[in-house]
N, C-alpha and C. Protein backbone atom coordinates (compact mmCIF):
# COMPACT_ATOMS: atom_id res chain seq x y z
N MET A 1 115.59 115.27 128.05
CA MET A 1 114.20 115.60 128.17
C MET A 1 113.39 114.64 127.31
N ALA A 2 112.36 114.07 127.91
CA ALA A 2 111.53 113.09 127.20
C ALA A 2 110.57 113.79 126.25
N LYS A 3 110.39 113.18 125.09
CA LYS A 3 109.45 113.74 124.11
C LYS A 3 108.11 113.02 124.25
N GLY A 4 107.02 113.80 124.13
CA GLY A 4 105.69 113.22 124.17
C GLY A 4 105.28 112.75 122.79
N LYS A 5 104.02 112.43 122.64
CA LYS A 5 103.52 112.02 121.34
C LYS A 5 103.53 113.21 120.40
N ASN A 6 103.90 112.97 119.15
CA ASN A 6 103.90 114.04 118.17
C ASN A 6 102.48 114.44 117.84
N VAL A 7 102.26 115.75 117.70
CA VAL A 7 100.94 116.26 117.37
C VAL A 7 100.67 116.06 115.89
N ARG A 8 101.69 116.25 115.04
CA ARG A 8 101.53 116.09 113.60
C ARG A 8 101.90 114.67 113.19
N VAL A 9 101.02 114.04 112.44
CA VAL A 9 101.25 112.66 112.00
C VAL A 9 101.12 112.58 110.48
N ARG A 10 101.82 111.61 109.88
CA ARG A 10 101.74 111.38 108.44
C ARG A 10 100.50 110.54 108.15
N VAL A 11 99.78 110.90 107.10
CA VAL A 11 98.61 110.14 106.69
C VAL A 11 98.70 109.87 105.19
N ILE A 12 98.04 108.82 104.74
CA ILE A 12 97.98 108.47 103.33
C ILE A 12 96.56 108.70 102.84
N LEU A 13 96.41 109.48 101.76
CA LEU A 13 95.11 109.74 101.16
C LEU A 13 94.97 108.89 99.91
N GLU A 14 93.81 108.23 99.77
CA GLU A 14 93.58 107.33 98.65
C GLU A 14 92.32 107.75 97.90
N CYS A 15 92.37 107.69 96.57
CA CYS A 15 91.25 108.09 95.73
C CYS A 15 90.06 107.15 95.95
N THR A 16 88.88 107.72 96.17
CA THR A 16 87.70 106.89 96.44
C THR A 16 87.13 106.29 95.15
N SER A 17 87.21 107.00 94.03
CA SER A 17 86.64 106.45 92.80
C SER A 17 87.53 105.36 92.22
N CYS A 18 88.84 105.44 92.38
CA CYS A 18 89.74 104.38 91.90
C CYS A 18 89.55 103.10 92.69
N VAL A 19 89.29 103.22 93.98
CA VAL A 19 89.08 102.04 94.82
C VAL A 19 87.83 101.31 94.36
N GLN A 20 86.78 102.04 94.04
CA GLN A 20 85.54 101.41 93.57
C GLN A 20 85.73 100.81 92.19
N ASN A 21 86.49 101.48 91.31
CA ASN A 21 86.71 100.98 89.96
C ASN A 21 87.70 99.82 89.91
N SER A 22 88.59 99.72 90.90
CA SER A 22 89.56 98.62 90.90
C SER A 22 88.87 97.28 91.15
N ILE A 23 87.72 97.31 91.80
CA ILE A 23 86.96 96.08 92.01
C ILE A 23 86.42 95.59 90.67
N ASN A 24 86.01 96.53 89.80
CA ASN A 24 85.47 96.18 88.48
C ASN A 24 86.55 96.10 87.41
N LYS A 25 87.82 96.32 87.76
CA LYS A 25 88.96 96.27 86.85
C LYS A 25 88.89 97.32 85.73
N LYS A 26 88.29 98.49 86.03
CA LYS A 26 88.24 99.56 85.03
C LYS A 26 89.46 100.47 85.13
N SER A 27 90.06 100.56 86.29
CA SER A 27 91.17 101.47 86.51
C SER A 27 92.50 100.72 86.44
N THR A 28 93.57 101.44 86.03
CA THR A 28 94.90 100.83 85.95
C THR A 28 95.65 100.90 87.27
N GLY A 29 95.22 101.75 88.19
CA GLY A 29 95.92 101.89 89.47
C GLY A 29 95.09 102.66 90.46
N ILE A 30 95.67 102.94 91.63
CA ILE A 30 95.00 103.69 92.68
C ILE A 30 95.88 104.87 93.04
N SER A 31 95.30 106.07 92.96
CA SER A 31 96.04 107.30 93.26
C SER A 31 96.16 107.47 94.77
N ARG A 32 97.40 107.76 95.24
CA ARG A 32 97.63 107.98 96.68
C ARG A 32 98.51 109.20 96.87
N TYR A 33 98.23 109.95 97.93
CA TYR A 33 99.03 111.10 98.34
C TYR A 33 99.45 110.90 99.78
N ILE A 34 100.63 111.42 100.16
CA ILE A 34 101.09 111.40 101.53
C ILE A 34 101.13 112.84 102.02
N THR A 35 100.54 113.09 103.18
CA THR A 35 100.50 114.43 103.75
C THR A 35 100.55 114.33 105.27
N GLN A 36 100.45 115.46 105.94
CA GLN A 36 100.46 115.49 107.40
C GLN A 36 99.17 116.14 107.89
N LYS A 37 98.76 115.76 109.10
CA LYS A 37 97.62 116.42 109.72
C LYS A 37 97.90 116.62 111.20
N ASN A 38 97.22 117.60 111.77
CA ASN A 38 97.32 117.87 113.20
C ASN A 38 96.30 117.00 113.92
N ARG A 39 96.78 116.13 114.78
CA ARG A 39 95.92 115.16 115.45
C ARG A 39 94.90 115.84 116.38
N HIS A 40 95.26 116.96 116.98
CA HIS A 40 94.35 117.64 117.91
C HIS A 40 93.23 118.38 117.18
N ASN A 41 93.54 119.01 116.05
CA ASN A 41 92.54 119.78 115.32
C ASN A 41 91.61 118.90 114.49
N THR A 42 92.14 117.87 113.87
CA THR A 42 91.34 116.97 113.04
C THR A 42 91.47 115.55 113.57
N SER A 43 90.59 115.21 114.48
CA SER A 43 90.67 113.89 115.10
C SER A 43 90.06 112.81 114.20
N GLY A 44 89.13 113.19 113.32
CA GLY A 44 88.51 112.23 112.42
C GLY A 44 89.37 111.98 111.19
N ARG A 45 88.81 111.24 110.25
CA ARG A 45 89.53 110.94 109.01
C ARG A 45 89.56 112.16 108.10
N LEU A 46 90.71 112.41 107.51
CA LEU A 46 90.90 113.55 106.62
C LEU A 46 90.35 113.21 105.24
N GLU A 47 89.69 114.20 104.60
CA GLU A 47 89.10 114.00 103.28
C GLU A 47 89.33 115.27 102.46
N LEU A 48 90.07 115.15 101.35
CA LEU A 48 90.42 116.30 100.51
C LEU A 48 90.13 115.98 99.05
N ARG A 49 89.89 117.03 98.26
CA ARG A 49 89.74 116.87 96.82
C ARG A 49 91.10 117.10 96.18
N LYS A 50 91.63 116.06 95.55
CA LYS A 50 92.94 116.10 94.91
C LYS A 50 92.81 115.58 93.48
N PHE A 51 93.84 115.83 92.66
CA PHE A 51 93.83 115.34 91.28
C PHE A 51 94.25 113.88 91.23
N CYS A 52 93.45 113.08 90.55
CA CYS A 52 93.76 111.66 90.36
C CYS A 52 94.31 111.48 88.96
N ARG A 53 95.52 110.95 88.85
CA ARG A 53 96.15 110.80 87.54
C ARG A 53 95.59 109.61 86.77
N TYR A 54 94.88 108.72 87.43
CA TYR A 54 94.28 107.59 86.74
C TYR A 54 92.88 107.92 86.24
N CYS A 55 92.13 108.73 86.99
CA CYS A 55 90.79 109.16 86.56
C CYS A 55 90.86 110.40 85.68
N HIS A 56 91.97 111.11 85.72
CA HIS A 56 92.20 112.36 84.98
C HIS A 56 91.21 113.45 85.37
N LYS A 57 90.88 113.54 86.67
CA LYS A 57 90.01 114.60 87.17
C LYS A 57 90.21 114.73 88.68
N HIS A 58 89.65 115.79 89.25
CA HIS A 58 89.72 115.99 90.69
C HIS A 58 88.66 115.13 91.37
N THR A 59 89.09 114.32 92.33
CA THR A 59 88.19 113.42 93.05
C THR A 59 88.46 113.53 94.54
N THR A 60 87.58 112.93 95.33
CA THR A 60 87.74 112.92 96.78
C THR A 60 88.75 111.86 97.18
N HIS A 61 89.71 112.26 97.98
CA HIS A 61 90.72 111.34 98.52
C HIS A 61 90.52 111.27 100.03
N ARG A 62 90.41 110.05 100.58
CA ARG A 62 90.18 109.86 102.01
C ARG A 62 91.39 109.20 102.66
N GLU A 63 91.51 109.47 103.94
CA GLU A 63 92.61 108.90 104.73
C GLU A 63 92.38 107.40 104.92
N ILE A 64 93.47 106.62 104.78
CA ILE A 64 93.41 105.18 105.01
C ILE A 64 94.32 104.81 106.16
N LYS A 65 94.13 103.63 106.71
CA LYS A 65 95.00 103.16 107.78
C LYS A 65 96.30 102.67 107.19
N LYS A 66 97.37 102.79 107.96
CA LYS A 66 98.69 102.34 107.51
C LYS A 66 98.84 100.85 107.69
């Protein structure tokens, strides 16, 4: 039996404040999380508030392309 496209896909979430600070060389790294999302329910880019270990606070993490 042939399998169709998977509904659940892996996505990478990246800290938005670390990305802005890495341009100015204020941050030591960029916080990233790997998670899954349902492609049918959330067709747009995923955006969650997660803890950033480099900023030491909860910040917005957005989905990036692989």
